[in-house]
Amino acid sequence: MLAGWLAEPHVRRWWNHETSPEAVQRDFGPTMRGEEPGEDLVVSVGGTPAGLLQRARWHDFPGYVEKIAPIVAIPAGAVTIDYLIGPPELTGRGLGPRILAAAVTGVWQHYPDATAIIVPVCAANRASWRALEKAGFRRVASGDLVPDNPVDPPLHHVHRIDREEPGCHP
């Protein structure tokens, strides 16, 4: 299923992964087996698999923290997410912001000490960063990072959402 999603043009454009069984096993197997920190979760809509959600603590991957440091400081305990909608017929229907809102709730529940979710997105991937904004994230920085797909320029937008403090509501 995941290999099929990664092969879809709308996913392949941004994820740029090999889709052979060996490559999928190499890239996703260690997390699935608990050998690497983080989680790969299947997103379901009405009981039908619809996508992939990855979530992890930034500081479990110090190399990534180092790469983004010139753009934005990552606080201790901060989490990042990555996501895709697999079946092409489910794209363009407003699912992205709904999935992301559910992902935020899941992060707050699963990582009780996390104070922020910070997500860098290739600036060219307008649909992705617009979905983050619709789900309540705000753009906090922009800067150059190595893109997942070498055809893209390096400009990325960094989006963030903070956990609300109890009793503090706008």
C-alpha atoms as a PDB file:
ATOM      1  CA  MET A   1       0.000   0.000   0.000  1.00  0.00           C
ATOM      2  CA  LEU A   2       2.724   2.473   0.979  1.00  0.00           C
ATOM      3  CA  ALA A   3       4.785   1.708  -2.126  1.00  0.00           C
ATOM      4  CA  GLY A   4       1.677   2.329  -4.226  1.00  0.00           C
ATOM      5  CA  TRP A   5       1.077   5.671  -2.551  1.00  0.00           C
ATOM      6  CA  LEU A   6       4.718   6.702  -2.945  1.00  0.00           C
ATOM      7  CA  ALA A   7       4.449   5.894  -6.666  1.00  0.00           C
ATOM      8  CA  GLU A   8       1.422   8.147  -7.194  1.00  0.00           C
ATOM      9  CA  PRO A   9       2.493  11.291  -9.110  1.00  0.00           C
ATOM     10  CA  HIS A  10       1.039  13.689  -6.519  1.00  0.00           C
ATOM     11  CA  VAL A  11       3.034  11.937  -3.747  1.00  0.00           C
ATOM     12  CA  ARG A  12       6.169  11.156  -5.748  1.00  0.00           C
ATOM     13  CA  ARG A  13       6.486  14.856  -6.621  1.00  0.00           C
ATOM     14  CA  TRP A  14       7.101  15.804  -2.978  1.00  0.00           C
ATOM     15  CA  TRP A  15       8.315  12.634  -1.256  1.00  0.00           C
ATOM     16  CA  ASN A  16      10.755  11.517  -3.982  1.00  0.00           C
ATOM     17  CA  HIS A  17      11.172   7.980  -2.583  1.00  0.00           C
ATOM     18  CA  GLU A  18      12.146   4.799  -4.317  1.00  0.00           C
ATOM     19  CA  THR A  19       9.186   2.422  -4.383  1.00  0.00           C
ATOM     20  CA  SER A  20      10.762  -1.019  -4.695  1.00  0.00           C
ATOM     21  CA  PRO A  21       9.938  -3.394  -1.834  1.00  0.00           C
ATOM     22  CA  GLU A  22      13.592  -3.232  -0.749  1.00  0.00           C
ATOM     23  CA  ALA A  23      13.600   0.579  -0.702  1.00  0.00           C
ATOM     24  CA  VAL A  24      10.345   0.825   1.237  1.00  0.00           C
ATOM     25  CA  GLN A  25      11.686  -1.730   3.732  1.00  0.00           C
ATOM     26  CA  ARG A  26      14.973   0.196   4.016  1.00  0.00           C
ATOM     27  CA  ASP A  27      13.308   3.602   4.462  1.00  0.00           C
ATOM     28  CA  PHE A  28      10.322   2.691   6.646  1.00  0.00           C
ATOM     29  CA  GLY A  29      11.221  -0.685   8.225  1.00  0.00           C
ATOM     30  CA  PRO A  30      13.457   0.579  11.058  1.00  0.00           C
ATOM     31  CA  THR A  31      10.747   2.885  12.408  1.00  0.00           C
ATOM     32  CA  MET A  32       8.043   0.232  12.004  1.00  0.00           C
ATOM     33  CA  ARG A  33      10.194  -2.271  13.935  1.00  0.00           C
ATOM     34  CA  GLY A  34      10.926   0.253  16.695  1.00  0.00           C
ATOM     35  CA  GLU A  35      14.635   0.418  15.830  1.00  0.00           C
ATOM     36  CA  GLU A  36      14.460   4.179  15.221  1.00  0.00           C
ATOM     37  CA  PRO A  37      12.553   6.810  17.169  1.00  0.00           C
ATOM     38  CA  GLY A  38       9.368   8.205  15.737  1.00  0.00           C
ATOM     39  CA  GLU A  39       6.226   6.690  14.346  1.00  0.00           C
ATOM     40  CA  ASP A  40       4.728   5.930  10.958  1.00  0.00           C
ATOM     41  CA  LEU A  41       0.944   5.829  11.231  1.00  0.00           C
ATOM     42  CA  VAL A  42      -1.677   4.959   8.628  1.00  0.00           C
ATOM     43  CA  VAL A  43      -4.397   7.590   8.408  1.00  0.00           C
ATOM     44  CA  SER A  44      -7.896   6.195   7.886  1.00  0.00           C
ATOM     45  CA  VAL A  45     -10.953   8.061   6.714  1.00  0.00           C
ATOM     46  CA  GLY A  46     -14.199   6.225   7.327  1.00  0.00           C
ATOM     47  CA  GLY A  47     -12.223   3.022   7.883  1.00  0.00           C
ATOM     48  CA  THR A  48     -10.394   3.321   4.552  1.00  0.00           C
ATOM     49  CA  PRO A  49      -6.611   3.852   4.506  1.00  0.00           C
ATOM     50  CA  ALA A  50      -6.062   7.373   3.199  1.00  0.00           C
ATOM     51  CA  GLY A  51      -2.502   8.346   3.967  1.00  0.00           C
ATOM     52  CA  LEU A  52       0.612   8.285   6.075  1.00  0.00           C
ATOM     53  CA  LEU A  53       1.451  10.415   9.095  1.00  0.00           C
ATOM     54  CA  GLN A  54       4.939  10.442  10.531  1.00  0.00           C
ATOM     55  CA  ARG A  55       5.664  12.018  13.894  1.00  0.00           C
ATOM     56  CA  ALA A  56       8.869  12.282  15.895  1.00  0.00           C
ATOM     57  CA  ARG A  57      10.669  14.411  18.413  1.00  0.00           C
ATOM     58  CA  TRP A  58      13.067  16.768  16.698  1.00  0.00           C
ATOM     59  CA  HIS A  59      15.875  16.153  19.176  1.00  0.00           C
ATOM     60  CA  ASP A  60      15.796  12.404  18.499  1.00  0.00           C
ATOM     61  CA  PHE A  61      17.362  13.391  15.151  1.00  0.00           C
ATOM     62  CA  PRO A  62      20.159  15.850  16.017  1.00  0.00           C
ATOM     63  CA  GLY A  63      21.322  16.059  12.403  1.00  0.00           C
ATOM     64  CA  TYR A  64      17.975  17.554  11.394  1.00  0.00           C
ATOM     65  CA  VAL A  65      18.029  19.985  14.312  1.00  0.00           C
ATOM     66  CA  GLU A  66      21.490  21.109  13.185  1.00  0.00           C
ATOM     67  CA  LYS A  67      20.312  21.602   9.587  1.00  0.00           C
ATOM     68  CA  ILE A  68      17.322  23.769  10.568  1.00  0.00           C
ATOM     69  CA  ALA A  69      19.163  25.731  13.302  1.00  0.00           C
ATOM     70  CA  PRO A  70      20.139  28.618  10.969  1.00  0.00           C
ATOM     71  CA  ILE A  71      16.434  29.156  10.220  1.00  0.00           C
ATOM     72  CA  VAL A  72      14.654  28.487  13.521  1.00  0.00           C
ATOM     73  CA  ALA A  73      15.472  27.306  17.045  1.00  0.00           C
ATOM     74  CA  ILE A  74      13.895  23.988  17.986  1.00  0.00           C
ATOM     75  CA  PRO A  75      12.829  23.919  21.644  1.00  0.00           C
ATOM     76  CA  ALA A  76      13.381  20.831  23.771  1.00  0.00           C
ATOM     77  CA  GLY A  77      10.563  18.333  23.348  1.00  0.00           C
ATOM     78  CA  ALA A  78       9.313  19.816  20.062  1.00  0.00           C
ATOM     79  CA  VAL A  79       7.774  17.353  17.618  1.00  0.00           C
ATOM     80  CA  THR A  80       7.656  17.336  13.845  1.00  0.00           C
ATOM     81  CA  ILE A  81       5.197  15.658  11.523  1.00  0.00           C
ATOM     82  CA  ASP A  82       5.198  14.670   7.881  1.00  0.00           C
ATOM     83  CA  TYR A  83       2.177  13.503   5.957  1.00  0.00           C
ATOM     84  CA  LEU A  84       0.740  12.426   2.676  1.00  0.00           C
ATOM     85  CA  ILE A  85      -2.639  11.577   1.240  1.00  0.00           C
ATOM     86  CA  GLY A  86      -2.167   8.440  -0.850  1.00  0.00           C
ATOM     87  CA  PRO A  87      -5.167   7.761  -3.082  1.00  0.00           C
ATOM     88  CA  PRO A  88      -5.394  10.504  -5.730  1.00  0.00           C
ATOM     89  CA  GLU A  89      -9.183  10.522  -5.534  1.00  0.00           C
ATOM     90  CA  LEU A  90      -8.918  11.739  -1.912  1.00  0.00           C
ATOM     91  CA  THR A  91      -6.837  14.812  -2.766  1.00  0.00           C
ATOM     92  CA  GLY A  92      -8.365  18.241  -3.220  1.00  0.00           C
ATOM     93  CA  ARG A  93     -11.287  17.452  -0.893  1.00  0.00           C
ATOM     94  CA  GLY A  94     -10.197  19.318   2.228  1.00  0.00           C
ATOM     95  CA  LEU A  95      -8.864  16.225   3.988  1.00  0.00           C
ATOM     96  CA  GLY A  96      -5.380  17.669   4.552  1.00  0.00           C
ATOM     97  CA  PRO A  97      -6.373  20.258   7.180  1.00  0.00           C
ATOM     98  CA  ARG A  98      -8.669  17.731   8.904  1.00  0.00           C
ATOM     99  CA  ILE A  99      -5.895  15.123   9.029  1.00  0.00           C
ATOM    100  CA  LEU A 100      -3.439  17.712  10.329  1.00  0.00           C
ATOM    101  CA  ALA A 101      -5.857  18.914  13.031  1.00  0.00           C
ATOM    102  CA  ALA A 102      -6.272  15.298  14.169  1.00  0.00           C
ATOM    103  CA  ALA A 103      -2.485  14.877  14.040  1.00  0.00           C
ATOM    104  CA  VAL A 104      -2.044  17.867  16.362  1.00  0.00           C
ATOM    105  CA  THR A 105      -4.492  16.368  18.857  1.00  0.00           C
ATOM    106  CA  GLY A 106      -2.646  13.054  18.626  1.00  0.00           C
ATOM    107  CA  VAL A 107       0.730  14.691  19.254  1.00  0.00           C
ATOM    108  CA  TRP A 108      -0.556  16.482  22.357  1.00  0.00           C
ATOM    109  CA  GLN A 109      -1.954  13.186  23.673  1.00  0.00           C
ATOM    110  CA  HIS A 110       1.050  10.995  22.794  1.00  0.00           C
ATOM    111  CA  TYR A 111       3.771  13.509  23.735  1.00  0.00           C
ATOM    112  CA  PRO A 112       2.462  15.185  26.912  1.00  0.00           C
ATOM    113  CA  ASP A 113       5.650  17.228  27.389  1.00  0.00           C
ATOM    114  CA  ALA A 114       5.701  18.576  23.816  1.00  0.00           C
ATOM    115  CA  THR A 115       5.097  22.306  23.736  1.00  0.00           C
ATOM    116  CA  ALA A 116       5.270  22.799  19.961  1.00  0.00           C
ATOM    117  CA  ILE A 117       4.979  21.061  16.609  1.00  0.00           C
ATOM    118  CA  ILE A 118       7.369  22.496  14.027  1.00  0.00           C
ATOM    119  CA  VAL A 119       7.093  21.524  10.363  1.00  0.00           C
ATOM    120  CA  PRO A 120       9.347  22.672   7.507  1.00  0.00           C
ATOM    121  CA  VAL A 121       7.732  22.473   4.063  1.00  0.00           C
ATOM    122  CA  CYS A 122       9.203  23.152   0.643  1.00  0.00           C
ATOM    123  CA  ALA A 123       7.915  26.596  -0.334  1.00  0.00           C
ATOM    124  CA  ALA A 124       6.922  25.240  -3.728  1.00  0.00           C
ATOM    125  CA  ASN A 125       4.489  22.816  -2.058  1.00  0.00           C
ATOM    126  CA  ARG A 126       1.741  25.376  -1.598  1.00  0.00           C
ATOM    127  CA  ALA A 127      -0.978  22.784  -0.946  1.00  0.00           C
ATOM    128  CA  SER A 128       0.978  21.399   1.995  1.00  0.00           C
ATOM    129  CA  TRP A 129       1.774  24.659   3.735  1.00  0.00           C
ATOM    130  CA  ARG A 130      -1.743  25.977   3.097  1.00  0.00           C
ATOM    131  CA  ALA A 131      -3.160  22.830   4.747  1.00  0.00           C
ATOM    132  CA  LEU A 132      -0.941  23.492   7.774  1.00  0.00           C
ATOM    133  CA  GLU A 133      -2.208  27.065   7.978  1.00  0.00           C
ATOM    134  CA  LYS A 134      -5.830  25.937   7.694  1.00  0.00           C
ATOM    135  CA  ALA A 135      -5.165  23.512  10.573  1.00  0.00           C
ATOM    136  CA  GLY A 136      -3.954  26.356  12.808  1.00  0.00           C
ATOM    137  CA  PHE A 137      -0.194  26.379  12.186  1.00  0.00           C
ATOM    138  CA  ARG A 138       1.498  29.711  11.614  1.00  0.00           C
ATOM    139  CA  ARG A 139       4.533  30.415   9.478  1.00  0.00           C
ATOM    140  CA  VAL A 140       7.398  31.394  11.767  1.00  0.00           C
ATOM    141  CA  ALA A 141      10.367  31.386   9.399  1.00  0.00           C
ATOM    142  CA  SER A 142      11.560  30.794   5.866  1.00  0.00           C
ATOM    143  CA  GLY A 143      14.991  29.714   4.727  1.00  0.00           C
ATOM    144  CA  ASP A 144      17.035  27.302   2.696  1.00  0.00           C
ATOM    145  CA  LEU A 145      17.074  23.555   3.397  1.00  0.00           C
ATOM    146  CA  VAL A 146      18.043  20.706   1.103  1.00  0.00           C
ATOM    147  CA  PRO A 147      14.774  19.757  -0.647  1.00  0.00           C
ATOM    148  CA  ASP A 148      13.515  16.165  -0.736  1.00  0.00           C
ATOM    149  CA  ASN A 149      13.228  16.465  -4.497  1.00  0.00           C
ATOM    150  CA  PRO A 150      16.326  17.853  -6.202  1.00  0.00           C
ATOM    151  CA  VAL A 151      14.182  19.627  -8.811  1.00  0.00           C
ATOM    152  CA  ASP A 152      12.955  22.033  -6.118  1.00  0.00           C
ATOM    153  CA  PRO A 153      14.691  25.195  -4.989  1.00  0.00           C
ATOM    154  CA  PRO A 154      15.910  25.091  -1.372  1.00  0.00           C
ATOM    155  CA  LEU A 155      13.439  27.644   0.040  1.00  0.00           C
ATOM    156  CA  HIS A 156      11.298  26.151   2.818  1.00  0.00           C
ATOM    157  CA  HIS A 157       8.622  27.671   5.051  1.00  0.00           C
ATOM    158  CA  VAL A 158       8.641  26.601   8.687  1.00  0.00           C
ATOM    159  CA  HIS A 159       5.271  26.315  10.388  1.00  0.00           C
ATOM    160  CA  ARG A 160       4.583  25.973  14.093  1.00  0.00           C
ATOM    161  CA  ILE A 161       1.699  25.350  16.432  1.00  0.00           C
ATOM    162  CA  ASP A 162       2.031  25.611  20.205  1.00  0.00           C
ATOM    163  CA  ARG A 163       0.212  23.683  22.884  1.00  0.00           C
ATOM    164  CA  GLU A 164      -2.281  25.899  24.654  1.00  0.00           C
ATOM    165  CA  GLU A 165      -1.649  26.415  28.333  1.00  0.00           C
ATOM    166  CA  PRO A 166      -4.582  25.321  30.515  1.00  0.00           C
ATOM    167  CA  GLY A 167      -6.875  28.271  31.152  1.00  0.00           C
ATOM    168  CA  CYS A 168      -5.336  30.358  28.352  1.00  0.00           C
ATOM    169  CA  HIS A 169      -7.739  30.807  25.467  1.00  0.00           C
ATOM    170  CA  PRO A 170      -7.849  33.613  22.933  1.00  0.00           C
END
